[in-house]
N, C-alpha and C. Protein backbone atom coordinates (compact mmCIF):
# COMPACT_ATOMS: atom_id res chain seq x y z
N MET A 1 -35.58 4.55 25.06
CA MET A 1 -35.55 4.15 23.68
C MET A 1 -35.51 5.42 22.85
N ARG A 2 -34.89 5.34 21.70
CA ARG A 2 -34.80 6.48 20.79
C ARG A 2 -35.94 6.37 19.77
N LEU A 3 -36.74 7.43 19.68
CA LEU A 3 -37.83 7.49 18.71
C LEU A 3 -37.27 7.85 17.33
N PRO A 4 -38.02 7.63 16.26
CA PRO A 4 -37.53 7.98 14.93
C PRO A 4 -37.12 9.44 14.80
N SER A 5 -37.70 10.32 15.61
CA SER A 5 -37.35 11.74 15.58
C SER A 5 -36.02 12.02 16.27
N GLY A 6 -35.47 11.01 16.97
CA GLY A 6 -34.24 11.20 17.72
C GLY A 6 -34.48 11.49 19.19
N ARG A 7 -35.72 11.74 19.56
CA ARG A 7 -36.04 12.02 20.96
C ARG A 7 -35.96 10.73 21.77
N LEU A 8 -35.61 10.88 23.04
CA LEU A 8 -35.48 9.73 23.92
C LEU A 8 -36.65 9.68 24.90
N VAL A 9 -37.16 8.49 25.14
CA VAL A 9 -38.16 8.25 26.19
C VAL A 9 -37.75 6.98 26.92
N ARG A 10 -38.14 6.90 28.17
CA ARG A 10 -37.87 5.69 28.94
C ARG A 10 -39.13 4.84 28.92
N GLY A 11 -39.01 3.62 28.46
CA GLY A 11 -40.10 2.67 28.48
C GLY A 11 -39.84 1.65 29.57
N ARG A 12 -40.86 1.32 30.35
CA ARG A 12 -40.65 0.33 31.41
C ARG A 12 -41.96 -0.32 31.82
N PRO A 13 -41.87 -1.52 32.37
CA PRO A 13 -43.05 -2.16 32.96
C PRO A 13 -43.19 -1.73 34.42
N LEU A 14 -44.39 -1.40 34.84
CA LEU A 14 -44.61 -1.04 36.23
C LEU A 14 -44.54 -2.25 37.16
N SER A 15 -44.54 -3.45 36.58
CA SER A 15 -44.47 -4.66 37.39
C SER A 15 -43.06 -4.91 37.93
N ARG A 16 -42.10 -4.11 37.49
CA ARG A 16 -40.72 -4.24 37.97
C ARG A 16 -40.34 -2.99 38.75
N PRO A 17 -39.30 -3.08 39.58
CA PRO A 17 -38.87 -1.89 40.32
C PRO A 17 -38.43 -0.78 39.37
N GLU A 18 -38.58 0.45 39.84
CA GLU A 18 -38.18 1.60 39.05
C GLU A 18 -36.67 1.52 38.79
N PRO A 19 -36.25 1.78 37.55
CA PRO A 19 -34.81 1.74 37.25
C PRO A 19 -34.09 2.90 37.92
N GLY A 20 -32.79 2.77 38.03
CA GLY A 20 -31.99 3.85 38.60
C GLY A 20 -31.91 5.03 37.65
N GLY A 21 -31.25 6.06 38.08
CA GLY A 21 -31.09 7.24 37.26
C GLY A 21 -32.08 8.31 37.63
N PRO A 22 -31.97 9.46 36.99
CA PRO A 22 -32.87 10.57 37.30
C PRO A 22 -34.32 10.21 36.97
N PRO A 23 -35.26 10.68 37.77
CA PRO A 23 -36.67 10.40 37.48
C PRO A 23 -37.14 11.24 36.29
N PRO A 24 -38.20 10.79 35.63
CA PRO A 24 -38.74 11.59 34.54
C PRO A 24 -39.46 12.83 35.07
N ALA A 25 -39.63 13.80 34.20
CA ALA A 25 -40.43 14.99 34.53
C ALA A 25 -41.90 14.73 34.21
N PHE A 26 -42.13 13.77 33.30
CA PHE A 26 -43.49 13.51 32.81
C PHE A 26 -43.61 12.04 32.46
N GLY A 27 -44.75 11.44 32.79
CA GLY A 27 -44.97 10.04 32.47
C GLY A 27 -46.34 9.82 31.85
N VAL A 28 -46.42 8.81 31.00
CA VAL A 28 -47.69 8.37 30.41
C VAL A 28 -47.83 6.90 30.76
N TYR A 29 -48.98 6.55 31.35
CA TYR A 29 -49.19 5.20 31.84
C TYR A 29 -50.37 4.57 31.10
N LEU A 30 -50.04 3.51 30.36
CA LEU A 30 -51.00 2.83 29.49
C LEU A 30 -51.50 1.59 30.22
N LEU A 31 -52.61 1.77 30.94
CA LEU A 31 -53.10 0.73 31.84
C LEU A 31 -54.61 0.61 31.76
N GLY A 32 -55.12 -0.53 32.18
CA GLY A 32 -56.56 -0.73 32.24
C GLY A 32 -57.21 -0.05 33.43
N ARG A 33 -56.40 0.34 34.42
CA ARG A 33 -56.91 1.06 35.60
C ARG A 33 -55.90 2.12 36.01
N PRO A 34 -56.26 3.06 36.87
CA PRO A 34 -55.33 4.13 37.22
C PRO A 34 -54.01 3.58 37.77
N PRO A 35 -52.91 4.28 37.51
CA PRO A 35 -51.61 3.81 38.00
C PRO A 35 -51.47 3.99 39.50
N PRO A 36 -50.47 3.33 40.08
CA PRO A 36 -50.18 3.56 41.49
C PRO A 36 -49.69 5.00 41.67
N GLU A 37 -49.44 5.40 42.88
CA GLU A 37 -48.97 6.76 43.14
C GLU A 37 -47.68 7.05 42.36
N ILE A 38 -47.66 8.18 41.68
CA ILE A 38 -46.52 8.58 40.85
C ILE A 38 -46.03 9.93 41.39
N ALA A 39 -44.72 10.10 41.52
CA ALA A 39 -44.14 11.30 42.14
C ALA A 39 -43.97 12.48 41.18
N TRP A 40 -44.17 12.29 39.88
CA TRP A 40 -43.98 13.36 38.90
C TRP A 40 -45.28 13.57 38.13
N GLU A 41 -45.29 14.59 37.29
CA GLU A 41 -46.48 14.86 36.48
C GLU A 41 -46.74 13.69 35.54
N TRP A 42 -48.00 13.32 35.40
CA TRP A 42 -48.31 12.15 34.58
C TRP A 42 -49.71 12.24 34.01
N ARG A 43 -49.94 11.37 33.01
CA ARG A 43 -51.26 11.19 32.41
C ARG A 43 -51.53 9.69 32.36
N TRP A 44 -52.80 9.34 32.56
CA TRP A 44 -53.21 7.94 32.45
C TRP A 44 -54.02 7.77 31.18
N LEU A 45 -53.60 6.81 30.36
CA LEU A 45 -54.39 6.40 29.20
C LEU A 45 -55.03 5.06 29.54
N ARG A 46 -56.34 5.04 29.58
CA ARG A 46 -57.01 3.75 29.83
C ARG A 46 -56.81 2.91 28.58
N TRP A 47 -55.94 1.90 28.72
CA TRP A 47 -55.54 1.09 27.58
C TRP A 47 -55.38 -0.36 28.05
N PRO A 48 -56.47 -1.12 28.10
CA PRO A 48 -56.38 -2.50 28.56
C PRO A 48 -55.46 -3.34 27.67
N ASP A 49 -54.84 -4.34 28.27
CA ASP A 49 -53.95 -5.24 27.53
C ASP A 49 -54.61 -5.79 26.27
N LEU A 50 -53.84 -5.83 25.21
CA LEU A 50 -54.23 -6.44 23.94
C LEU A 50 -55.48 -5.80 23.33
N ARG A 51 -55.74 -4.55 23.66
CA ARG A 51 -56.89 -3.84 23.10
C ARG A 51 -56.45 -2.45 22.65
N ARG A 52 -57.34 -1.72 22.06
CA ARG A 52 -57.07 -0.33 21.69
C ARG A 52 -57.30 0.56 22.91
N PRO A 53 -56.74 1.79 22.86
CA PRO A 53 -57.04 2.72 23.95
C PRO A 53 -58.55 2.96 24.02
N SER A 54 -59.05 3.18 25.21
CA SER A 54 -60.49 3.42 25.38
C SER A 54 -60.95 4.70 24.71
N ASP A 55 -60.09 5.71 24.66
CA ASP A 55 -60.43 7.00 24.07
C ASP A 55 -59.30 7.38 23.09
N LEU A 56 -59.54 7.19 21.80
CA LEU A 56 -58.49 7.44 20.80
C LEU A 56 -58.08 8.90 20.73
N ASP A 57 -59.01 9.82 20.92
CA ASP A 57 -58.64 11.24 20.90
C ASP A 57 -57.71 11.56 22.06
N GLN A 58 -58.03 11.04 23.24
CA GLN A 58 -57.16 11.25 24.40
C GLN A 58 -55.79 10.61 24.15
N ALA A 59 -55.77 9.43 23.57
CA ALA A 59 -54.49 8.77 23.28
C ALA A 59 -53.65 9.61 22.33
N ARG A 60 -54.26 10.13 21.28
CA ARG A 60 -53.53 10.97 20.33
C ARG A 60 -52.93 12.20 21.02
N SER A 61 -53.76 12.90 21.79
CA SER A 61 -53.27 14.13 22.41
C SER A 61 -52.24 13.86 23.50
N THR A 62 -52.43 12.80 24.28
CA THR A 62 -51.48 12.48 25.35
C THR A 62 -50.15 12.02 24.80
N LEU A 63 -50.18 11.15 23.79
CA LEU A 63 -48.92 10.69 23.20
C LEU A 63 -48.22 11.81 22.45
N ALA A 64 -48.98 12.70 21.82
CA ALA A 64 -48.37 13.86 21.17
C ALA A 64 -47.73 14.77 22.21
N GLU A 65 -48.38 14.95 23.36
CA GLU A 65 -47.79 15.75 24.43
C GLU A 65 -46.48 15.13 24.91
N ALA A 66 -46.48 13.81 25.11
CA ALA A 66 -45.25 13.13 25.53
C ALA A 66 -44.15 13.32 24.50
N TRP A 67 -44.49 13.20 23.23
CA TRP A 67 -43.50 13.37 22.16
C TRP A 67 -42.93 14.78 22.18
N ARG A 68 -43.80 15.80 22.30
CA ARG A 68 -43.33 17.19 22.35
C ARG A 68 -42.42 17.42 23.55
N ARG A 69 -42.83 16.93 24.70
CA ARG A 69 -42.06 17.15 25.92
C ARG A 69 -40.74 16.41 25.91
N ALA A 70 -40.67 15.30 25.19
CA ALA A 70 -39.42 14.53 25.11
C ALA A 70 -38.31 15.31 24.43
N ALA A 71 -38.63 16.40 23.75
CA ALA A 71 -37.61 17.23 23.12
C ALA A 71 -36.75 17.93 24.16
N THR A 72 -37.31 18.21 25.35
CA THR A 72 -36.57 18.98 26.36
C THR A 72 -36.64 18.39 27.76
N GLU A 73 -37.46 17.36 27.97
CA GLU A 73 -37.65 16.79 29.31
C GLU A 73 -37.47 15.28 29.29
N ARG A 74 -37.25 14.72 30.46
CA ARG A 74 -37.24 13.26 30.60
C ARG A 74 -38.68 12.78 30.62
N VAL A 75 -39.00 11.83 29.73
CA VAL A 75 -40.36 11.32 29.60
C VAL A 75 -40.33 9.81 29.74
N GLU A 76 -41.33 9.28 30.45
CA GLU A 76 -41.46 7.84 30.65
C GLU A 76 -42.80 7.38 30.08
N LEU A 77 -42.78 6.24 29.39
CA LEU A 77 -43.98 5.55 28.94
C LEU A 77 -43.96 4.19 29.62
N ALA A 78 -45.04 3.83 30.29
CA ALA A 78 -45.03 2.57 31.02
C ALA A 78 -46.40 1.89 30.96
N CYS A 79 -46.34 0.57 31.08
CA CYS A 79 -47.55 -0.24 31.18
C CYS A 79 -47.31 -1.26 32.29
N THR A 80 -48.23 -2.17 32.47
CA THR A 80 -48.08 -3.17 33.52
C THR A 80 -46.87 -4.05 33.27
N GLY A 81 -46.66 -4.41 32.02
CA GLY A 81 -45.53 -5.27 31.67
C GLY A 81 -46.00 -6.69 31.43
N GLY A 82 -45.34 -7.34 30.49
CA GLY A 82 -45.66 -8.72 30.20
C GLY A 82 -46.60 -8.92 29.04
N ARG A 83 -47.35 -7.90 28.67
CA ARG A 83 -48.25 -7.97 27.53
C ARG A 83 -48.01 -6.74 26.68
N GLY A 84 -48.34 -6.84 25.42
CA GLY A 84 -48.05 -5.73 24.53
C GLY A 84 -49.22 -4.81 24.29
N ARG A 85 -48.90 -3.60 23.87
CA ARG A 85 -49.89 -2.62 23.43
C ARG A 85 -49.87 -2.53 21.92
N ARG A 86 -48.77 -2.97 21.29
CA ARG A 86 -48.67 -2.91 19.83
C ARG A 86 -49.50 -4.00 19.20
N ARG A 87 -50.10 -3.68 18.09
CA ARG A 87 -50.79 -4.68 17.29
C ARG A 87 -50.12 -4.70 15.94
N ARG A 88 -50.35 -5.74 15.20
CA ARG A 88 -49.73 -5.81 13.88
C ARG A 88 -50.22 -4.69 12.99
N ASP A 89 -49.33 -4.19 12.15
CA ASP A 89 -49.65 -3.07 11.27
C ASP A 89 -50.88 -3.34 10.41
N ASN A 90 -51.06 -4.59 9.96
CA ASN A 90 -52.19 -4.87 9.08
C ASN A 90 -53.53 -4.81 9.81
N GLU A 91 -53.51 -4.63 11.14
CA GLU A 91 -54.74 -4.45 11.89
C GLU A 91 -55.09 -2.97 12.03
N GLY A 92 -54.24 -2.09 11.50
CA GLY A 92 -54.57 -0.67 11.48
C GLY A 92 -54.34 0.09 12.75
N SER A 93 -53.61 -0.47 13.73
CA SER A 93 -53.45 0.24 14.99
C SER A 93 -52.33 1.27 14.98
N TRP A 94 -51.25 1.02 14.29
CA TRP A 94 -50.12 1.93 14.29
C TRP A 94 -49.72 2.24 12.86
N PRO A 95 -49.53 3.52 12.55
CA PRO A 95 -49.15 3.89 11.19
C PRO A 95 -47.76 3.39 10.86
N VAL A 96 -47.54 3.12 9.60
CA VAL A 96 -46.24 2.67 9.13
C VAL A 96 -45.63 3.78 8.30
N GLY A 97 -44.34 4.06 8.50
CA GLY A 97 -43.65 5.04 7.69
C GLY A 97 -44.06 6.47 7.94
N HIS A 98 -44.46 6.79 9.19
CA HIS A 98 -44.83 8.17 9.50
C HIS A 98 -43.59 9.05 9.44
N PRO A 99 -43.74 10.35 9.17
CA PRO A 99 -42.57 11.23 9.14
C PRO A 99 -41.89 11.27 10.50
N ALA A 100 -40.55 11.31 10.51
CA ALA A 100 -39.80 11.27 11.76
C ALA A 100 -40.02 12.51 12.61
N ASP A 101 -40.47 13.62 12.03
CA ASP A 101 -40.69 14.82 12.82
C ASP A 101 -42.11 14.92 13.36
N GLU A 102 -42.90 13.88 13.22
CA GLU A 102 -44.25 13.85 13.77
C GLU A 102 -44.39 12.63 14.66
N PRO A 103 -45.19 12.73 15.75
CA PRO A 103 -45.35 11.59 16.63
C PRO A 103 -46.16 10.48 15.97
N ALA A 104 -45.81 9.25 16.29
CA ALA A 104 -46.62 8.11 15.85
C ALA A 104 -47.67 7.88 16.92
N VAL A 105 -48.92 8.01 16.56
CA VAL A 105 -50.01 7.82 17.51
C VAL A 105 -51.01 6.83 16.92
N PRO A 106 -51.80 6.18 17.76
CA PRO A 106 -52.75 5.20 17.24
C PRO A 106 -53.74 5.83 16.28
N VAL A 107 -54.12 5.07 15.29
CA VAL A 107 -55.12 5.52 14.34
C VAL A 107 -56.18 4.44 14.22
N THR A 108 -57.36 4.83 13.84
CA THR A 108 -58.42 3.83 13.65
C THR A 108 -58.33 3.26 12.25
N SER A 109 -58.82 2.07 12.10
CA SER A 109 -58.79 1.45 10.76
C SER A 109 -60.05 1.72 10.01
């Protein structure tokens, strides 16, 4: 998917087979428990379905790292699949209208 900054990241559910094409250099896995074995460098964000990340500071820094690395590397963001991590804007989980040259990361309300 193309981010507002123009950077590309691969989003996918871990519940489905890995898509074809070159593997990412870096992955971020938004899951309630540690991800299965991953062959590339990765970070785990403890982020249970339909809830906020367990550690907002870690979420900010990890997603910012993924955003920075997406400028020059293949980056993957993945969750279990089937349920969302996004919440409605009026619940204060994701900023609206953030500058395109800055990463969109979760914020507290």
